[in-house]
Amino acid sequence: EVSCARDEVEALRDLLAERDRDIQGLRREIATLEEKMQRDEQAVWSANTATRAAEAKGRAAASRVPELEAVIGSLEGRLAQLESQRVAENEGFREVTRQLHEERAAKAE
C-alpha cells in the first residue's frame, strides 16, 4: 500500500509540474498577445494623424483588437481553469500524503 501511495504521490507531483508548465506557457502567450494588442492600438493612434493609407492600416489594426481581446479572455479563462485544477490536485496530493503518514504511523505502532 505504501508503495502504491508513493506512486500516487509521484504521479500527482508529475501532474502538478505539468500543470505549472501549462500555466507558465499560457502566461507567456497572454503577455505576447497583450504586447501585440498594444502595438496594434498604437498603430490605430498613429493612423489618426497620417494619410489615408495610414488610416486604412490603422483601421485594419483596430479591427484586430477585439479579436485579440477575445483570445486573451479565452486564455485567461483557461489559465483560471488550470489554476483551479492545480489547487484541487494539490489538495489531493496533501490528502494522499496525510494518508501515507497515517499508515506509516499505524505500522510503527
Protein backbone atom coordinates (compact mmCIF):
# COMPACT_ATOMS: atom_id res chain seq x y z
CA GLU A 1 0.00 0.00 0.00
CA VAL A 2 2.82 2.37 0.89
CA SER A 3 4.43 1.70 -2.46
CA CYS A 4 1.13 2.39 -4.19
CA ALA A 5 0.70 5.61 -2.23
CA ARG A 6 4.23 6.66 -3.18
CA ASP A 7 3.44 6.00 -6.81
CA GLU A 8 0.29 8.12 -6.45
CA VAL A 9 2.28 10.91 -4.82
CA GLU A 10 4.87 10.83 -7.61
CA ALA A 11 2.13 10.82 -10.24
CA LEU A 12 0.49 13.80 -8.59
CA ARG A 13 3.83 15.61 -8.43
CA ASP A 14 4.37 14.97 -12.13
CA LEU A 15 0.87 16.19 -12.90
CA LEU A 16 1.39 19.33 -10.83
CA ALA A 17 4.66 20.05 -12.62
CA GLU A 18 2.91 19.60 -15.96
CA ARG A 19 0.10 21.95 -14.92
CA ASP A 20 2.65 24.52 -13.77
CA ARG A 21 4.37 24.32 -17.16
CA ASP A 22 0.98 24.73 -18.89
CA ILE A 23 0.22 27.77 -16.74
CA GLN A 24 3.63 29.30 -17.50
CA GLY A 25 3.07 28.78 -21.22
CA LEU A 26 -0.36 30.39 -21.07
CA ARG A 27 1.03 33.36 -19.16
CA ARG A 28 3.69 33.84 -21.86
CA GLU A 29 1.01 33.66 -24.56
CA ILE A 30 -1.12 36.24 -22.75
CA ALA A 31 1.85 38.59 -22.37
CA THR A 32 2.71 38.22 -26.05
CA LEU A 33 -0.86 38.89 -27.09
CA GLU A 34 -1.10 41.92 -24.80
CA GLU A 35 2.07 43.35 -26.33
CA LYS A 36 0.69 42.70 -29.80
CA MET A 37 -2.58 44.39 -28.85
CA GLN A 38 -0.69 47.43 -27.55
CA ARG A 39 1.24 47.66 -30.82
CA ASP A 40 -1.99 47.42 -32.78
CA GLU A 41 -3.60 50.12 -30.64
CA GLN A 42 -0.54 52.34 -31.21
CA ALA A 43 -0.94 51.80 -34.92
CA VAL A 44 -4.55 52.98 -34.60
CA TRP A 45 -3.49 56.15 -32.78
CA SER A 46 -0.78 56.91 -35.33
CA ALA A 47 -3.22 56.41 -38.18
CA ASN A 48 -5.34 59.31 -36.92
CA THR A 49 -2.54 61.75 -37.85
CA ALA A 50 -1.35 60.04 -41.01
CA THR A 51 -2.51 59.90 -44.61
CA ARG A 52 -5.44 57.87 -45.89
CA ALA A 53 -3.19 54.88 -46.47
CA ALA A 54 -2.01 55.02 -42.87
CA GLU A 55 -5.62 55.43 -41.71
CA ALA A 56 -6.57 52.28 -43.62
CA LYS A 57 -3.73 50.42 -41.94
CA GLY A 58 -4.90 51.70 -38.57
CA ARG A 59 -8.46 50.56 -39.19
CA ALA A 60 -7.16 47.11 -40.05
CA ALA A 61 -5.16 47.05 -36.82
CA ALA A 62 -8.15 48.34 -34.82
CA SER A 63 -10.35 45.59 -36.21
CA ARG A 64 -7.94 43.05 -34.74
CA VAL A 65 -8.12 44.48 -31.20
CA PRO A 66 -11.50 42.87 -30.34
CA GLU A 67 -10.26 39.57 -31.73
CA LEU A 68 -7.11 39.77 -29.64
CA GLU A 69 -9.12 40.77 -26.58
CA ALA A 70 -11.34 37.72 -27.11
CA VAL A 71 -8.28 35.46 -27.41
CA ILE A 72 -6.79 36.97 -24.25
CA GLY A 73 -10.10 36.47 -22.43
CA SER A 74 -10.18 32.87 -23.56
CA LEU A 75 -6.59 32.29 -22.45
CA GLU A 76 -7.28 33.96 -19.11
CA GLY A 77 -10.28 31.65 -18.65
CA ARG A 78 -8.11 28.63 -19.45
CA LEU A 79 -5.45 29.91 -17.04
CA ALA A 80 -8.05 30.24 -14.28
CA GLN A 81 -9.28 26.74 -15.03
CA LEU A 82 -5.73 25.32 -14.87
CA GLU A 83 -5.01 27.16 -11.64
CA SER A 84 -8.21 25.80 -10.12
CA GLN A 85 -7.29 22.34 -11.29
CA ARG A 86 -3.82 22.73 -9.80
CA VAL A 87 -5.33 23.74 -6.44
CA ALA A 88 -7.57 20.67 -6.49
CA GLU A 89 -4.63 18.46 -7.38
CA ASN A 90 -2.57 20.00 -4.58
CA GLU A 91 -5.37 19.14 -2.16
CA GLY A 92 -5.40 15.58 -3.46
CA PHE A 93 -1.65 15.40 -3.07
CA ARG A 94 -1.92 16.61 0.53
CA GLU A 95 -4.60 14.03 1.28
CA VAL A 96 -2.54 11.17 -0.15
CA THR A 97 0.50 12.38 1.81
CA ARG A 98 -1.55 12.62 5.00
CA GLN A 99 -2.87 9.09 4.50
CA LEU A 100 0.64 7.82 3.84
CA HIS A 101 1.87 9.38 7.07
CA GLU A 102 -1.07 7.90 8.99
CA GLU A 103 -0.36 4.45 7.55
CA ARG A 104 3.31 4.71 8.47
CA ALA A 105 2.41 5.84 11.97
CA ALA A 106 -0.05 2.95 12.36
CA LYS A 107 2.57 0.44 11.17
CA ALA A 108 5.16 1.93 13.53
CA GLU A 109 2.84 1.27 16.46
